[in-house]
Amino acid sequence: MVVNVCPAAVTTSSPERVWAVLTSPERLGDWADAEFVSAVPPGSMGAGQKLQLAASEFGRRWPVRIDVDAIDRRHRWIDLRVSLPFAVVNHEHITLTATEAGGTLVRFN
C-alpha cells in the first residue's frame, strides 16, 4: 500500500536560515522527533551521506536511518530516504520557497 501526503508550513524565518537548520545533521532534533546519532561522512548534508538517528517511543530507542539521495543547494531542495523500524521507508522531497513577506514555505512531499 502506498500513502502519499504533502504537508506544508509557512515560517517567518528566511529561506537561508531554514536551509541552515535543515542541512545541518546535528540539528535534526530541532525539526524531527528523533535524536541525532551520527553522519557519514560528517558535515553539512550532501548526496550519499548516511545519517543515523534514534527515536524514543514505547520505552525503547528505535533506529532511524536517513540516506541523502540528492540535494540542490541553489534551488533549496533535498531528497531523503528515511528507513524506520518494521521495514517502513519514507521517500521525502523537501523544498523551501521564499514568501513575499520574507519568510519561507516549507513542503514535505
C-alpha atoms as a PDB file:
ATOM      1  CA  MET A   1       0.000   0.000   0.000  1.00  0.00           C
ATOM      2  CA  VAL A   2       1.282   3.473  -0.869  1.00  0.00           C
ATOM      3  CA  VAL A   3       0.255   6.520   1.151  1.00  0.00           C
ATOM      4  CA  ASN A   4       1.080   9.974  -0.210  1.00  0.00           C
ATOM      5  CA  VAL A   5       0.675  13.112   1.892  1.00  0.00           C
ATOM      6  CA  CYS A   6       2.132  16.556   1.276  1.00  0.00           C
ATOM      7  CA  PRO A   7       2.350  18.598   4.472  1.00  0.00           C
ATOM      8  CA  ALA A   8       3.430  22.225   4.209  1.00  0.00           C
ATOM      9  CA  ALA A   9       4.013  25.117   6.586  1.00  0.00           C
ATOM     10  CA  VAL A  10       4.976  28.776   6.396  1.00  0.00           C
ATOM     11  CA  THR A  11       7.503  30.310   8.772  1.00  0.00           C
ATOM     12  CA  THR A  12       8.632  33.904   9.201  1.00  0.00           C
ATOM     13  CA  SER A  13      12.277  32.736   9.105  1.00  0.00           C
ATOM     14  CA  SER A  14      14.201  33.412   5.909  1.00  0.00           C
ATOM     15  CA  PRO A  15      14.901  30.557   3.462  1.00  0.00           C
ATOM     16  CA  GLU A  16      18.619  30.890   4.259  1.00  0.00           C
ATOM     17  CA  ARG A  17      18.004  30.378   7.972  1.00  0.00           C
ATOM     18  CA  VAL A  18      15.658  27.418   7.432  1.00  0.00           C
ATOM     19  CA  TRP A  19      18.132  25.872   4.963  1.00  0.00           C
ATOM     20  CA  ALA A  20      20.959  26.188   7.507  1.00  0.00           C
ATOM     21  CA  VAL A  21      18.940  24.237  10.102  1.00  0.00           C
ATOM     22  CA  LEU A  22      17.608  21.707   7.591  1.00  0.00           C
ATOM     23  CA  THR A  23      21.044  20.815   6.171  1.00  0.00           C
ATOM     24  CA  SER A  24      22.859  20.531   9.499  1.00  0.00           C
ATOM     25  CA  PRO A  25      22.614  16.864  10.583  1.00  0.00           C
ATOM     26  CA  GLU A  26      23.380  17.772  14.208  1.00  0.00           C
ATOM     27  CA  ARG A  27      20.224  19.931  14.238  1.00  0.00           C
ATOM     28  CA  LEU A  28      17.847  17.188  13.049  1.00  0.00           C
ATOM     29  CA  GLY A  29      16.347  17.024  16.531  1.00  0.00           C
ATOM     30  CA  ASP A  30      15.145  20.626  16.061  1.00  0.00           C
ATOM     31  CA  TRP A  31      12.649  19.502  13.419  1.00  0.00           C
ATOM     32  CA  ALA A  32      12.430  15.705  13.632  1.00  0.00           C
ATOM     33  CA  ASP A  33      11.154  13.664  16.544  1.00  0.00           C
ATOM     34  CA  ALA A  34      14.468  11.836  16.932  1.00  0.00           C
ATOM     35  CA  GLU A  35      17.940  12.309  18.381  1.00  0.00           C
ATOM     36  CA  PHE A  36      20.954  12.718  16.091  1.00  0.00           C
ATOM     37  CA  VAL A  37      23.497   9.892  16.479  1.00  0.00           C
ATOM     38  CA  SER A  38      25.965  10.175  13.577  1.00  0.00           C
ATOM     39  CA  ALA A  39      26.600  11.286   9.988  1.00  0.00           C
ATOM     40  CA  VAL A  40      28.868   9.523   7.495  1.00  0.00           C
ATOM     41  CA  PRO A  41      30.625  11.438   6.171  1.00  0.00           C
ATOM     42  CA  PRO A  42      30.365  14.184   8.816  1.00  0.00           C
ATOM     43  CA  GLY A  43      29.439  17.735   7.928  1.00  0.00           C
ATOM     44  CA  SER A  44      26.622  19.526   6.144  1.00  0.00           C
ATOM     45  CA  MET A  45      24.104  17.323   4.315  1.00  0.00           C
ATOM     46  CA  GLY A  46      25.320  16.045   0.992  1.00  0.00           C
ATOM     47  CA  ALA A  47      24.277  13.443  -1.565  1.00  0.00           C
ATOM     48  CA  GLY A  48      25.344   9.966  -0.494  1.00  0.00           C
ATOM     49  CA  GLN A  49      25.516  10.870   3.187  1.00  0.00           C
ATOM     50  CA  LYS A  50      24.097   8.393   5.721  1.00  0.00           C
ATOM     51  CA  LEU A  51      22.538   9.777   8.887  1.00  0.00           C
ATOM     52  CA  GLN A  52      21.763   7.716  11.981  1.00  0.00           C
ATOM     53  CA  LEU A  53      19.128   8.819  14.483  1.00  0.00           C
ATOM     54  CA  ALA A  54      17.332   7.280  17.442  1.00  0.00           C
ATOM     55  CA  ALA A  55      13.644   7.795  18.178  1.00  0.00           C
ATOM     56  CA  SER A  56      12.227   7.033  21.614  1.00  0.00           C
ATOM     57  CA  GLU A  57       8.784   5.520  21.899  1.00  0.00           C
ATOM     58  CA  PHE A  58       7.101   2.809  23.987  1.00  0.00           C
ATOM     59  CA  GLY A  59      10.054   2.784  26.388  1.00  0.00           C
ATOM     60  CA  ARG A  60      12.547   1.893  23.645  1.00  0.00           C
ATOM     61  CA  ARG A  61      15.064   3.603  21.377  1.00  0.00           C
ATOM     62  CA  TRP A  62      14.345   2.815  17.742  1.00  0.00           C
ATOM     63  CA  PRO A  63      16.972   3.174  14.993  1.00  0.00           C
ATOM     64  CA  VAL A  64      16.225   5.557  12.140  1.00  0.00           C
ATOM     65  CA  ARG A  65      18.454   5.876   9.076  1.00  0.00           C
ATOM     66  CA  ILE A  66      18.291   8.729   6.589  1.00  0.00           C
ATOM     67  CA  ASP A  67      20.022   8.412   3.223  1.00  0.00           C
ATOM     68  CA  VAL A  68      20.550  11.742   1.460  1.00  0.00           C
ATOM     69  CA  ASP A  69      19.769  10.754  -2.128  1.00  0.00           C
ATOM     70  CA  ALA A  70      20.060  14.193  -3.773  1.00  0.00           C
ATOM     71  CA  ILE A  71      20.406  17.836  -2.799  1.00  0.00           C
ATOM     72  CA  ASP A  72      20.205  21.088  -4.766  1.00  0.00           C
ATOM     73  CA  ARG A  73      21.541  23.978  -2.690  1.00  0.00           C
ATOM     74  CA  ARG A  74      20.774  26.579  -5.356  1.00  0.00           C
ATOM     75  CA  HIS A  75      17.082  25.666  -5.610  1.00  0.00           C
ATOM     76  CA  ARG A  76      16.845  24.562  -1.961  1.00  0.00           C
ATOM     77  CA  TRP A  77      15.505  21.037  -2.199  1.00  0.00           C
ATOM     78  CA  ILE A  78      16.570  17.702  -0.707  1.00  0.00           C
ATOM     79  CA  ASP A  79      15.568  14.111  -1.489  1.00  0.00           C
ATOM     80  CA  LEU A  80      15.781  11.811   1.520  1.00  0.00           C
ATOM     81  CA  ARG A  81      15.073   8.133   2.063  1.00  0.00           C
ATOM     82  CA  VAL A  82      14.066   7.559   5.686  1.00  0.00           C
ATOM     83  CA  SER A  83      14.259   3.943   6.909  1.00  0.00           C
ATOM     84  CA  LEU A  84      12.156   3.347  10.011  1.00  0.00           C
ATOM     85  CA  PRO A  85      11.528   0.240  12.129  1.00  0.00           C
ATOM     86  CA  PHE A  86       9.308  -2.526  10.747  1.00  0.00           C
ATOM     87  CA  ALA A  87      10.617  -2.004   7.177  1.00  0.00           C
ATOM     88  CA  VAL A  88       8.820   1.323   6.734  1.00  0.00           C
ATOM     89  CA  VAL A  89      10.587   3.544   4.196  1.00  0.00           C
ATOM     90  CA  ASN A  90       9.594   7.162   3.546  1.00  0.00           C
ATOM     91  CA  HIS A  91      10.770   8.978   0.437  1.00  0.00           C
ATOM     92  CA  GLU A  92      10.862  12.682   1.288  1.00  0.00           C
ATOM     93  CA  HIS A  93      11.279  15.584  -1.140  1.00  0.00           C
ATOM     94  CA  ILE A  94      11.723  18.751   0.931  1.00  0.00           C
ATOM     95  CA  THR A  95      11.532  22.136  -0.782  1.00  0.00           C
ATOM     96  CA  LEU A  96      11.915  25.680   0.513  1.00  0.00           C
ATOM     97  CA  THR A  97      10.311  28.642  -1.252  1.00  0.00           C
ATOM     98  CA  ALA A  98      10.653  32.304  -0.237  1.00  0.00           C
ATOM     99  CA  THR A  99       7.382  34.067   0.561  1.00  0.00           C
ATOM    100  CA  GLU A 100       6.596  37.660  -0.410  1.00  0.00           C
ATOM    101  CA  ALA A 101       6.785  38.627   3.267  1.00  0.00           C
ATOM    102  CA  GLY A 102      10.371  37.340   3.542  1.00  0.00           C
ATOM    103  CA  GLY A 103       9.510  34.048   5.207  1.00  0.00           C
ATOM    104  CA  THR A 104       9.660  30.508   3.906  1.00  0.00           C
ATOM    105  CA  LEU A 105       7.144  27.964   2.617  1.00  0.00           C
ATOM    106  CA  VAL A 106       8.420  24.512   3.595  1.00  0.00           C
ATOM    107  CA  ARG A 107       6.968  21.497   1.761  1.00  0.00           C
ATOM    108  CA  PHE A 108       7.451  17.802   2.543  1.00  0.00           C
ATOM    109  CA  ASN A 109       6.283  15.813  -0.470  1.00  0.00           C
END
